[in-house]
PDB file of N, CA and C in Angstrom:
ATOM      1  N   MET A   1    -146.826-179.222-183.047  1.00  0.00           N
ATOM      2  CA  MET A   1    -145.642-179.793-182.615  1.00  0.00           C
ATOM      3  C   MET A   1    -145.464-180.915-183.520  1.00  0.00           C
ATOM      4  N   ASN A   2    -144.399-181.225-184.076  1.00  0.00           N
ATOM      5  CA  ASN A   2    -144.372-183.313-184.159  1.00  0.00           C
ATOM      6  C   ASN A   2    -142.765-183.300-183.382  1.00  0.00           C
ATOM      7  N   VAL A   3    -143.111-183.842-181.819  1.00  0.00           N
ATOM      8  CA  VAL A   3    -142.044-184.674-181.632  1.00  0.00           C
ATOM      9  C   VAL A   3    -141.785-185.719-181.283  1.00  0.00           C
ATOM     10  N   THR A   4    -140.795-186.048-181.921  1.00  0.00           N
ATOM     11  CA  THR A   4    -140.111-187.186-182.532  1.00  0.00           C
ATOM     12  C   THR A   4    -139.861-188.565-181.072  1.00  0.00           C
ATOM     13  N   PRO A   5    -139.933-189.202-180.572  1.00  0.00           N
ATOM     14  CA  PRO A   5    -139.116-190.429-179.856  1.00  0.00           C
ATOM     15  C   PRO A   5    -138.077-189.977-178.950  1.00  0.00           C
ATOM     16  N   TYR A   6    -137.832-190.142-177.742  1.00  0.00           N
ATOM     17  CA  TYR A   6    -136.338-189.909-177.428  1.00  0.00           C
ATOM     18  C   TYR A   6    -135.311-188.068-177.806  1.00  0.00           C
ATOM     19  N   THR A   7    -136.163-186.992-177.674  1.00  0.00           N
ATOM     20  CA  THR A   7    -135.884-186.258-177.929  1.00  0.00           C
ATOM     21  C   THR A   7    -135.560-185.344-177.020  1.00  0.00           C
ATOM     22  N   PRO A   8    -133.567-184.798-176.786  1.00  0.00           N
ATOM     23  CA  PRO A   8    -132.991-184.455-175.971  1.00  0.00           C
ATOM     24  C   PRO A   8    -133.305-183.509-175.436  1.00  0.00           C
ATOM     25  N   VAL A   9    -133.340-183.216-174.554  1.00  0.00           N
ATOM     26  CA  VAL A   9    -133.837-181.425-174.014  1.00  0.00           C
ATOM     27  C   VAL A   9    -132.775-181.412-172.512  1.00  0.00           C
ATOM     28  N   THR A  10    -132.477-180.463-172.220  1.00  0.00           N
ATOM     29  CA  THR A  10    -132.351-179.968-171.103  1.00  0.00           C
ATOM     30  C   THR A  10    -132.916-179.434-170.402  1.00  0.00           C
ATOM     31  N   ALA A  11    -132.722-179.018-168.768  1.00  0.00           N
ATOM     32  CA  ALA A  11    -134.306-178.013-168.302  1.00  0.00           C
ATOM     33  C   ALA A  11    -134.141-176.847-168.245  1.00  0.00           C
ATOM     34  N   ARG A  12    -133.447-176.186-169.149  1.00  0.00           N
ATOM     35  CA  ARG A  12    -133.263-175.032-169.626  1.00  0.00           C
ATOM     36  C   ARG A  12    -133.788-175.109-170.839  1.00  0.00           C
ATOM     37  N   GLY A  13    -133.381-175.878-171.524  1.00  0.00           N
ATOM     38  CA  GLY A  13    -134.175-175.914-173.232  1.00  0.00           C
ATOM     39  C   GLY A  13    -135.928-176.237-172.573  1.00  0.00           C
ATOM     40  N   ALA A  14    -136.292-177.303-171.959  1.00  0.00           N
ATOM     41  CA  ALA A  14    -137.487-177.247-171.681  1.00  0.00           C
ATOM     42  C   ALA A  14    -138.219-176.239-171.577  1.00  0.00           C
ATOM     43  N   ALA A  15    -137.300-175.832-170.414  1.00  0.00           N
ATOM     44  CA  ALA A  15    -138.306-174.868-169.578  1.00  0.00           C
ATOM     45  C   ALA A  15    -138.884-173.309-170.920  1.00  0.00           C
ATOM     46  N   ARG A  16    -137.878-173.301-171.299  1.00  0.00           N
ATOM     47  CA  ARG A  16    -138.014-171.359-172.355  1.00  0.00           C
ATOM     48  C   ARG A  16    -138.895-172.390-173.429  1.00  0.00           C
ATOM     49  N   ARG A  17    -139.165-174.252-174.001  1.00  0.00           N
ATOM     50  CA  ARG A  17    -140.297-174.732-174.795  1.00  0.00           C
ATOM     51  C   ARG A  17    -141.497-174.736-174.146  1.00  0.00           C
ATOM     52  N   LEU A  18    -141.603-174.616-173.248  1.00  0.00           N
ATOM     53  CA  LEU A  18    -142.558-175.103-171.734  1.00  0.00           C
ATOM     54  C   LEU A  18    -143.179-173.698-171.461  1.00  0.00           C
ATOM     55  N   GLU A  19    -142.073-172.868-171.531  1.00  0.00           N
ATOM     56  CA  GLU A  19    -142.951-171.556-170.394  1.00  0.00           C
ATOM     57  C   GLU A  19    -143.042-171.102-169.321  1.00  0.00           C
ATOM     58  N   ARG A  20    -142.054-172.430-168.639  1.00  0.00           N
ATOM     59  CA  ARG A  20    -141.511-172.425-167.364  1.00  0.00           C
ATOM     60  C   ARG A  20    -140.187-172.041-166.475  1.00  0.00           C
ATOM     61  N   GLU A  21    -140.203-172.415-164.900  1.00  0.00           N
ATOM     62  CA  GLU A  21    -138.922-172.211-164.508  1.00  0.00           C
ATOM     63  C   GLU A  21    -138.305-173.031-164.979  1.00  0.00           C
ATOM     64  N   PRO A  22    -136.788-173.101-165.214  1.00  0.00           N
ATOM     65  CA  PRO A  22    -135.969-174.972-164.784  1.00  0.00           C
ATOM     66  C   PRO A  22    -136.432-175.411-163.830  1.00  0.00           C
ATOM     67  N   CYS A  23    -136.674-174.799-162.664  1.00  0.00           N
ATOM     68  CA  CYS A  23    -136.552-175.206-161.414  1.00  0.00           C
ATOM     69  C   CYS A  23    -137.876-176.031-161.336  1.00  0.00           C
ATOM     70  N   THR A  24    -138.738-176.141-161.914  1.00  0.00           N
ATOM     71  CA  THR A  24    -140.026-176.656-162.595  1.00  0.00           C
ATOM     72  C   THR A  24    -140.088-177.861-162.870  1.00  0.00           C
ATOM     73  N   ILE A  25    -139.390-177.468-163.927  1.00  0.00           N
ATOM     74  CA  ILE A  25    -138.620-179.113-164.838  1.00  0.00           C
ATOM     75  C   ILE A  25    -137.999-179.844-164.157  1.00  0.00           C
ATOM     76  N   ARG A  26    -137.314-179.107-163.747  1.00  0.00           N
ATOM     77  CA  ARG A  26    -136.328-180.591-162.447  1.00  0.00           C
ATOM     78  C   ARG A  26    -137.229-180.967-161.397  1.00  0.00           C
ATOM     79  N   LYS A  27    -138.241-180.265-161.117  1.00  0.00           N
ATOM     80  CA  LYS A  27    -139.005-181.414-160.356  1.00  0.00           C
ATOM     81  C   LYS A  27    -139.964-182.215-160.593  1.00  0.00           C
ATOM     82  N   TRP A  28    -140.794-181.745-161.770  1.00  0.00           N
ATOM     83  CA  TRP A  28    -141.730-182.617-162.211  1.00  0.00           C
ATOM     84  C   TRP A  28    -141.031-183.635-163.076  1.00  0.00           C
ATOM     85  N   ALA A  29    -139.627-183.637-163.413  1.00  0.00           N
ATOM     86  CA  ALA A  29    -138.864-184.636-163.735  1.00  0.00           C
ATOM     87  C   ALA A  29    -138.385-185.838-162.561  1.00  0.00           C
ATOM     88  N   SER A  30    -138.755-184.881-161.242  1.00  0.00           N
ATOM     89  CA  SER A  30    -137.912-185.848-160.022  1.00  0.00           C
ATOM     90  C   SER A  30    -139.513-186.565-159.550  1.00  0.00           C
ATOM     91  N   ARG A  31    -140.351-185.745-160.118  1.00  0.00           N
ATOM     92  CA  ARG A  31    -141.800-186.208-159.115  1.00  0.00           C
ATOM     93  C   ARG A  31    -142.322-186.966-160.294  1.00  0.00           C
ATOM     94  N   TYR A  32    -142.081-187.389-160.945  1.00  0.00           N
ATOM     95  CA  TYR A  32    -143.349-187.900-162.239  1.00  0.00           C
ATOM     96  C   TYR A  32    -142.545-188.952-162.709  1.00  0.00           C
ATOM     97  N   TYR A  33    -140.564-188.652-162.386  1.00  0.00           N
ATOM     98  CA  TYR A  33    -139.924-190.041-163.082  1.00  0.00           C
ATOM     99  C   TYR A  33    -139.562-189.671-164.755  1.00  0.00           C
ATOM    100  N   ALA A  34    -139.317-188.190-164.963  1.00  0.00           N
ATOM    101  CA  ALA A  34    -139.522-188.558-166.676  1.00  0.00           C
ATOM    102  C   ALA A  34    -138.151-189.262-166.668  1.00  0.00           C
ATOM    103  N   ARG A  35    -137.992-189.633-168.108  1.00  0.00           N
ATOM    104  CA  ARG A  35    -136.887-190.142-169.217  1.00  0.00           C
ATOM    105  C   ARG A  35    -135.756-189.423-168.394  1.00  0.00           C
ATOM    106  N   VAL A  36    -134.631-189.420-168.196  1.00  0.00           N
ATOM    107  CA  VAL A  36    -132.791-189.201-168.216  1.00  0.00           C
ATOM    108  C   VAL A  36    -132.388-190.078-169.354  1.00  0.00           C
ATOM    109  N   LEU A  37    -131.737-189.161-170.080  1.00  0.00           N
ATOM    110  CA  LEU A  37    -131.296-189.324-171.498  1.00  0.00           C
ATOM    111  C   LEU A  37    -129.360-189.537-170.986  1.00  0.00           C
ATOM    112  N   GLY A  38    -128.876-188.843-169.480  1.00  0.00           N
ATOM    113  CA  GLY A  38    -127.948-188.572-170.589  1.00  0.00           C
ATOM    114  C   GLY A  38    -127.464-186.955-169.290  1.00  0.00           C
ATOM    115  N   ARG A  39    -126.182-187.126-169.330  1.00  0.00           N
ATOM    116  CA  ARG A  39    -125.640-185.445-169.011  1.00  0.00           C
ATOM    117  C   ARG A  39    -124.953-184.888-170.077  1.00  0.00           C
ATOM    118  N   ALA A  40    -125.394-183.340-169.887  1.00  0.00           N
ATOM    119  CA  ALA A  40    -123.963-182.662-170.624  1.00  0.00           C
ATOM    120  C   ALA A  40    -123.461-181.526-170.032  1.00  0.00           C
ATOM    121  N   GLY A  41    -122.573-182.006-169.668  1.00  0.00           N
ATOM    122  CA  GLY A  41    -121.895-181.635-168.603  1.00  0.00           C
ATOM    123  C   GLY A  41    -122.783-181.458-167.628  1.00  0.00           C
ATOM    124  N   ARG A  42    -122.834-180.348-166.600  1.00  0.00           N
ATOM    125  CA  ARG A  42    -123.455-180.226-165.411  1.00  0.00           C
ATOM    126  C   ARG A  42    -125.102-180.415-165.500  1.00  0.00           C
ATOM    127  N   GLU A  43    -125.640-180.321-166.967  1.00  0.00           N
ATOM    128  CA  GLU A  43    -126.804-180.919-167.055  1.00  0.00           C
ATOM    129  C   GLU A  43    -127.391-182.230-167.152  1.00  0.00           C
ATOM    130  N   THR A  44    -128.534-182.170-166.846  1.00  0.00           N
ATOM    131  CA  THR A  44    -129.317-183.450-166.887  1.00  0.00           C
ATOM    132  C   THR A  44    -129.929-183.528-168.340  1.00  0.00           C
ATOM    133  N   VAL A  45    -129.866-184.818-169.103  1.00  0.00           N
ATOM    134  CA  VAL A  45    -130.728-184.352-170.598  1.00  0.00           C
ATOM    135  C   VAL A  45    -132.387-185.377-170.039  1.00  0.00           C
ATOM    136  N   TYR A  46    -133.037-184.622-170.181  1.00  0.00           N
ATOM    137  CA  TYR A  46    -134.253-185.562-170.502  1.00  0.00           C
ATOM    138  C   TYR A  46    -135.089-185.899-171.332  1.00  0.00           C
ATOM    139  N   ASP A  47    -136.039-186.412-171.374  1.00  0.00           N
ATOM    140  CA  ASP A  47    -136.637-186.642-173.333  1.00  0.00           C
ATOM    141  C   ASP A  47    -138.289-185.620-173.152  1.00  0.00           C
ATOM    142  N   TYR A  48    -137.729-185.017-174.017  1.00  0.00           N
ATOM    143  CA  TYR A  48    -138.378-183.925-173.839  1.00  0.00           C
ATOM    144  C   TYR A  48    -140.474-184.325-174.053  1.00  0.00           C
ATOM    145  N   ALA A  49    -140.529-185.230-174.639  1.00  0.00           N
ATOM    146  CA  ALA A  49    -142.085-185.618-174.698  1.00  0.00           C
ATOM    147  C   ALA A  49    -142.339-185.813-173.372  1.00  0.00           C
ATOM    148  N   ASP A  50    -141.662-186.867-172.923  1.00  0.00           N
ATOM    149  CA  ASP A  50    -141.706-187.495-171.157  1.00  0.00           C
ATOM    150  C   ASP A  50    -142.226-185.991-170.755  1.00  0.00           C
ATOM    151  N   LEU A  51    -141.592-185.097-170.085  1.00  0.00           N
ATOM    152  CA  LEU A  51    -141.986-183.713-169.746  1.00  0.00           C
ATOM    153  C   LEU A  51    -143.266-183.038-170.105  1.00  0.00           C
ATOM    154  N   ALA A  52    -143.236-182.671-172.179  1.00  0.00           N
ATOM    155  CA  ALA A  52    -144.058-182.335-172.521  1.00  0.00           C
ATOM    156  C   ALA A  52    -145.674-183.395-172.119  1.00  0.00           C
ATOM    157  N   THR A  53    -145.834-184.433-172.091  1.00  0.00           N
ATOM    158  CA  THR A  53    -146.955-185.022-171.617  1.00  0.00           C
ATOM    159  C   THR A  53    -147.149-184.916-169.836  1.00  0.00           C
ATOM    160  N   ILE A  54    -146.035-184.985-169.130  1.00  0.00           N
ATOM    161  CA  ILE A  54    -146.252-183.982-167.668  1.00  0.00           C
ATOM    162  C   ILE A  54    -146.960-182.843-168.030  1.00  0.00           C
ATOM    163  N   GLU A  55    -146.620-182.137-168.759  1.00  0.00           N
ATOM    164  CA  GLU A  55    -147.237-180.393-168.723  1.00  0.00           C
ATOM    165  C   GLU A  55    -148.511-180.788-169.028  1.00  0.00           C
ATOM    166  N   TRP A  56    -148.702-181.216-169.288  1.00  0.00           N
ATOM    167  CA  TRP A  56    -150.173-181.817-170.465  1.00  0.00           C
ATOM    168  C   TRP A  56    -150.710-182.127-169.456  1.00  0.00           C
ATOM    169  N   CYS A  57    -150.742-183.694-168.868  1.00  0.00           N
ATOM    170  CA  CYS A  57    -151.353-183.721-167.348  1.00  0.00           C
ATOM    171  C   CYS A  57    -151.925-183.048-166.391  1.00  0.00           C
ATOM    172  N   ILE A  58    -150.955-181.962-166.098  1.00  0.00           N
ATOM    173  CA  ILE A  58    -151.146-181.072-165.313  1.00  0.00           C
ATOM    174  C   ILE A  58    -151.960-179.900-165.633  1.00  0.00           C
ATOM    175  N   TRP A  59    -151.590-179.580-166.856  1.00  0.00           N
ATOM    176  CA  TRP A  59    -152.087-178.025-167.386  1.00  0.00           C
ATOM    177  C   TRP A  59    -153.666-178.932-167.853  1.00  0.00           C
ATOM    178  N   ALA A  60    -154.452-179.585-167.847  1.00  0.00           N
ATOM    179  CA  ALA A  60    -155.695-180.423-167.987  1.00  0.00           C
ATOM    180  C   ALA A  60    -156.160-181.054-167.009  1.00  0.00           C
ATOM    181  N   GLY A  61    -155.142-180.782-165.759  1.00  0.00           N
ATOM    182  CA  GLY A  61    -155.974-181.847-164.966  1.00  0.00           C
ATOM    183  C   GLY A  61    -156.347-183.302-164.433  1.00  0.00           C
ATOM    184  N   HIS A  62    -155.713-183.668-165.573  1.00  0.00           N
ATOM    185  CA  HIS A  62    -155.624-185.317-165.434  1.00  0.00           C
ATOM    186  C   HIS A  62    -154.563-185.437-164.289  1.00  0.00           C
ATOM    187  N   PRO A  63    -154.872-186.991-163.653  1.00  0.00           N
ATOM    188  CA  PRO A  63    -153.962-187.027-162.832  1.00  0.00           C
ATOM    189  C   PRO A  63    -152.368-188.001-164.143  1.00  0.00           C
ATOM    190  N   PHE A  64    -151.709-187.657-163.436  1.00  0.00           N
ATOM    191  CA  PHE A  64    -149.872-188.020-164.284  1.00  0.00           C
ATOM    192  C   PHE A  64    -149.770-189.657-163.581  1.00  0.00           C
ATOM    193  N   THR A  65    -149.786-190.889-164.726  1.00  0.00           N
ATOM    194  CA  THR A  65    -149.286-191.488-164.074  1.00  0.00           C
ATOM    195  C   THR A  65    -148.641-192.459-164.870  1.00  0.00           C
ATOM    196  N   ARG A  66    -147.292-193.555-164.477  1.00  0.00           N
ATOM    197  CA  ARG A  66    -146.747-193.943-165.770  1.00  0.00           C
ATOM    198  C   ARG A  66    -147.005-194.512-166.762  1.00  0.00           C
ATOM    199  N   HIS A  67    -148.359-194.253-166.887  1.00  0.00           N
ATOM    200  CA  HIS A  67    -148.631-195.153-168.399  1.00  0.00           C
ATOM    201  C   HIS A  67    -149.373-193.501-168.911  1.00  0.00           C
ATOM    202  N   ALA A  68    -149.381-192.628-168.943  1.00  0.00           N
ATOM    203  CA  ALA A  68    -150.134-192.043-169.497  1.00  0.00           C
ATOM    204  C   ALA A  68    -148.952-191.461-170.362  1.00  0.00           C
ATOM    205  N   GLY A  69    -147.945-191.753-170.195  1.00  0.00           N
ATOM    206  CA  GLY A  69    -146.829-191.039-172.014  1.00  0.00           C
ATOM    207  C   GLY A  69    -146.902-192.583-172.939  1.00  0.00           C
ATOM    208  N   GLY A  70    -148.006-193.279-172.536  1.00  0.00           N
ATOM    209  CA  GLY A  70    -147.466-194.410-173.850  1.00  0.00           C
ATOM    210  C   GLY A  70    -147.586-195.799-172.927  1.00  0.00           C
ATOM    211  N   PRO A  71    -146.991-197.374-173.579  1.00  0.00           N
ATOM    212  CA  PRO A  71    -146.641-198.054-173.324  1.00  0.00           C
ATOM    213  C   PRO A  71    -145.040-198.137-172.878  1.00  0.00           C
ATOM    214  N   ARG A  72    -144.191-197.146-173.726  1.00  0.00           N
ATOM    215  CA  ARG A  72    -142.480-197.083-173.696  1.00  0.00           C
ATOM    216  C   ARG A  72    -142.513-196.596-171.759  1.00  0.00           C
ATOM    217  N   ARG A  73    -143.194-195.540-171.529  1.00  0.00           N
ATOM    218  CA  ARG A  73    -143.520-195.209-169.593  1.00  0.00           C
ATOM    219  C   ARG A  73    -143.829-196.549-168.759  1.00  0.00           C
ATOM    220  N   ALA A  74    -144.873-197.147-169.383  1.00  0.00           N
ATOM    221  CA  ALA A  74    -144.979-198.473-167.847  1.00  0.00           C
ATOM    222  C   ALA A  74    -143.401-199.486-167.637  1.00  0.00           C
ATOM    223  N   THR A  75    -142.423-199.432-168.675  1.00  0.00           N
ATOM    224  CA  THR A  75    -141.108-200.396-168.257  1.00  0.00           C
ATOM    225  C   THR A  75    -140.152-199.133-167.449  1.00  0.00           C
ATOM    226  N   ARG A  76    -140.672-197.862-167.462  1.00  0.00           N
ATOM    227  CA  ARG A  76    -139.509-197.041-167.142  1.00  0.00           C
ATOM    228  C   ARG A  76    -139.262-197.446-165.941  1.00  0.00           C
ATOM    229  N   ARG A  77    -139.245-197.589-164.589  1.00  0.00           N
ATOM    230  CA  ARG A  77    -139.106-198.197-163.500  1.00  0.00           C
ATOM    231  C   ARG A  77    -138.855-199.607-163.066  1.00  0.00           C
ATOM    232  N   PRO A  78    -137.385-199.561-162.765  1.00  0.00           N
ATOM    233  CA  PRO A  78    -137.214-201.833-162.791  1.00  0.00           C
ATOM    234  C   PRO A  78    -137.926-201.771-161.196  1.00  0.00           C
ATOM    235  N   PRO A  79    -138.478-202.834-160.963  1.00  0.00           N
ATOM    236  CA  PRO A  79    -138.896-203.659-159.461  1.00  0.00           C
ATOM    237  C   PRO A  79    -137.950-203.321-158.386  1.00  0.00           C
ATOM    238  N   SER A  80    -138.774-202.707-157.048  1.00  0.00           N
ATOM    239  CA  SER A  80    -138.377-202.210-156.063  1.00  0.00           C
ATOM    240  C   SER A  80    -137.269-203.522-155.403  1.00  0.00           C
ATOM    241  N   ARG A  81    -136.233-203.088-154.639  1.00  0.00           N
ATOM    242  CA  ARG A  81    -134.922-204.068-154.286  1.00  0.00           C
ATOM    243  C   ARG A  81    -136.400-204.844-152.896  1.00  0.00           C
ATOM    244  N   ARG A  82    -137.515-204.245-152.267  1.00  0.00           N
ATOM    245  CA  ARG A  82    -138.154-204.449-151.405  1.00  0.00           C
ATOM    246  C   ARG A  82    -139.100-205.801-151.665  1.00  0.00           C
ATOM    247  N   SER A  83    -139.831-205.362-153.137  1.00  0.00           N
ATOM    248  CA  SER A  83    -140.421-206.448-153.640  1.00  0.00           C
ATOM    249  C   SER A  83    -139.901-207.633-153.913  1.00  0.00           C
ATOM    250  N   MET A  84    -138.517-207.866-154.517  1.00  0.00           N
ATOM    251  CA  MET A  84    -137.662-208.919-154.612  1.00  0.00           C
ATOM    252  C   MET A  84    -137.792-209.746-153.941  1.00  0.00           C
ATOM    253  N   THR A  85    -137.412-209.514-152.539  1.00  0.00           N
ATOM    254  CA  THR A  85    -136.520-210.363-152.006  1.00  0.00           C
ATOM    255  C   THR A  85    -138.103-211.330-151.151  1.00  0.00           C
ATOM    256  N   VAL A  86    -137.361-212.548-150.848  1.00  0.00           N
ATOM    257  CA  VAL A  86    -137.950-213.862-149.955  1.00  0.00           C
ATOM    258  C   VAL A  86    -138.439-213.134-148.796  1.00  0.00           C
ATOM    259  N   LYS A  87    -139.424-214.091-148.502  1.00  0.00           N
ATOM    260  CA  LYS A  87    -139.967-213.792-147.563  1.00  0.00           C
ATOM    261  C   LYS A  87    -140.551-215.247-147.068  1.00  0.00           C
TER     262      LYS A  87
END
Protein backbone atom coordinates (compact mmCIF):
# COMPACT_ATOMS: atom_id res chain seq x y z
CA MET A 1 0.00 0.00 0.00
CA ASN A 2 1.31 3.41 -0.95
CA VAL A 3 0.93 5.91 1.89
CA THR A 4 1.40 9.57 1.05
CA PRO A 5 2.52 12.03 3.73
CA TYR A 6 -0.27 13.34 5.93
CA THR A 7 -2.99 10.90 4.98
CA PRO A 8 -5.94 11.96 7.18
CA VAL A 9 -7.86 9.20 8.95
CA THR A 10 -10.12 8.97 12.00
CA ALA A 11 -9.61 6.34 14.70
CA ARG A 12 -12.53 4.39 13.25
CA GLY A 13 -11.06 4.46 9.74
CA ALA A 14 -7.59 3.49 10.94
CA ALA A 15 -9.09 0.67 13.01
CA ARG A 16 -10.72 -0.75 9.88
CA ARG A 17 -7.51 -0.49 7.85
CA LEU A 18 -5.24 -1.89 10.59
CA GLU A 19 -7.79 -4.48 11.83
CA ARG A 20 -7.76 -3.13 15.40
CA GLU A 21 -10.36 -1.61 17.72
CA PRO A 22 -10.86 2.19 17.58
CA CYS A 23 -10.05 2.45 21.29
CA THR A 24 -6.66 0.82 20.58
CA ILE A 25 -5.93 3.38 17.87
CA ARG A 26 -6.83 6.26 20.20
CA LYS A 27 -4.58 4.80 22.93
CA TRP A 28 -1.66 4.45 20.50
CA ALA A 29 -2.18 8.01 19.30
CA SER A 30 -2.10 9.28 22.87
CA ARG A 31 0.75 7.09 24.09
CA TYR A 32 3.06 7.46 21.08
CA TYR A 33 2.20 11.05 20.04
CA ALA A 34 0.73 10.34 16.61
CA ARG A 35 0.29 13.51 14.59
CA VAL A 36 -3.15 15.07 14.97
CA LEU A 37 -4.29 16.76 11.78
CA GLY A 38 -7.51 18.23 13.14
CA ARG A 39 -11.08 17.25 13.89
CA ALA A 40 -14.00 15.96 11.83
CA GLY A 41 -17.08 16.70 13.88
CA ARG A 42 -16.50 14.98 17.23
CA GLU A 43 -13.72 12.70 15.96
CA THR A 44 -10.01 13.45 15.94
CA VAL A 45 -8.23 13.09 12.59
CA TYR A 46 -4.79 11.47 12.73
CA ASP A 47 -2.00 10.98 10.19
CA TYR A 48 -2.35 7.40 8.93
CA ALA A 49 1.40 7.10 8.26
CA ASP A 50 2.12 7.67 11.97
CA LEU A 51 -0.46 5.10 13.06
CA ALA A 52 0.80 2.54 10.54
CA THR A 53 4.38 3.08 11.77
CA ILE A 54 3.29 2.60 15.37
CA GLU A 55 1.44 -0.60 14.44
CA TRP A 56 4.47 -1.94 12.56
CA CYS A 57 6.85 -1.19 15.45
CA ILE A 58 4.57 -3.00 17.90
CA TRP A 59 4.08 -5.95 15.51
CA ALA A 60 7.81 -6.29 14.75
CA GLY A 61 8.81 -5.94 18.41
CA HIS A 62 10.86 -2.82 17.83
CA PRO A 63 10.78 -0.13 20.51
CA PHE A 64 8.87 2.86 19.22
CA THR A 65 10.68 6.18 19.52
CA ARG A 66 9.97 9.63 18.15
CA HIS A 67 12.53 8.95 15.41
CA ALA A 68 10.87 5.73 14.20
CA GLY A 69 8.62 7.65 11.82
CA GLY A 70 11.46 9.43 10.11
CA PRO A 71 12.83 12.95 10.31
CA ARG A 72 9.42 14.64 10.44
CA ARG A 73 8.59 12.75 13.67
CA ALA A 74 11.75 14.07 15.31
CA THR A 75 10.31 17.59 15.46
CA ARG A 76 6.80 16.54 16.54
CA ARG A 77 6.73 17.98 20.06
CA PRO A 78 8.03 21.34 21.22
CA PRO A 79 10.30 21.42 24.27
CA SER A 80 8.50 21.29 27.58
CA ARG A 81 8.10 24.43 29.67
CA ARG A 82 10.17 22.86 32.41
CA SER A 83 13.21 22.62 30.12
CA MET A 84 12.78 26.25 29.07
CA THR A 85 12.95 27.78 32.56
CA VAL A 86 16.11 29.62 33.56
CA LYS A 87 17.79 28.44 36.73
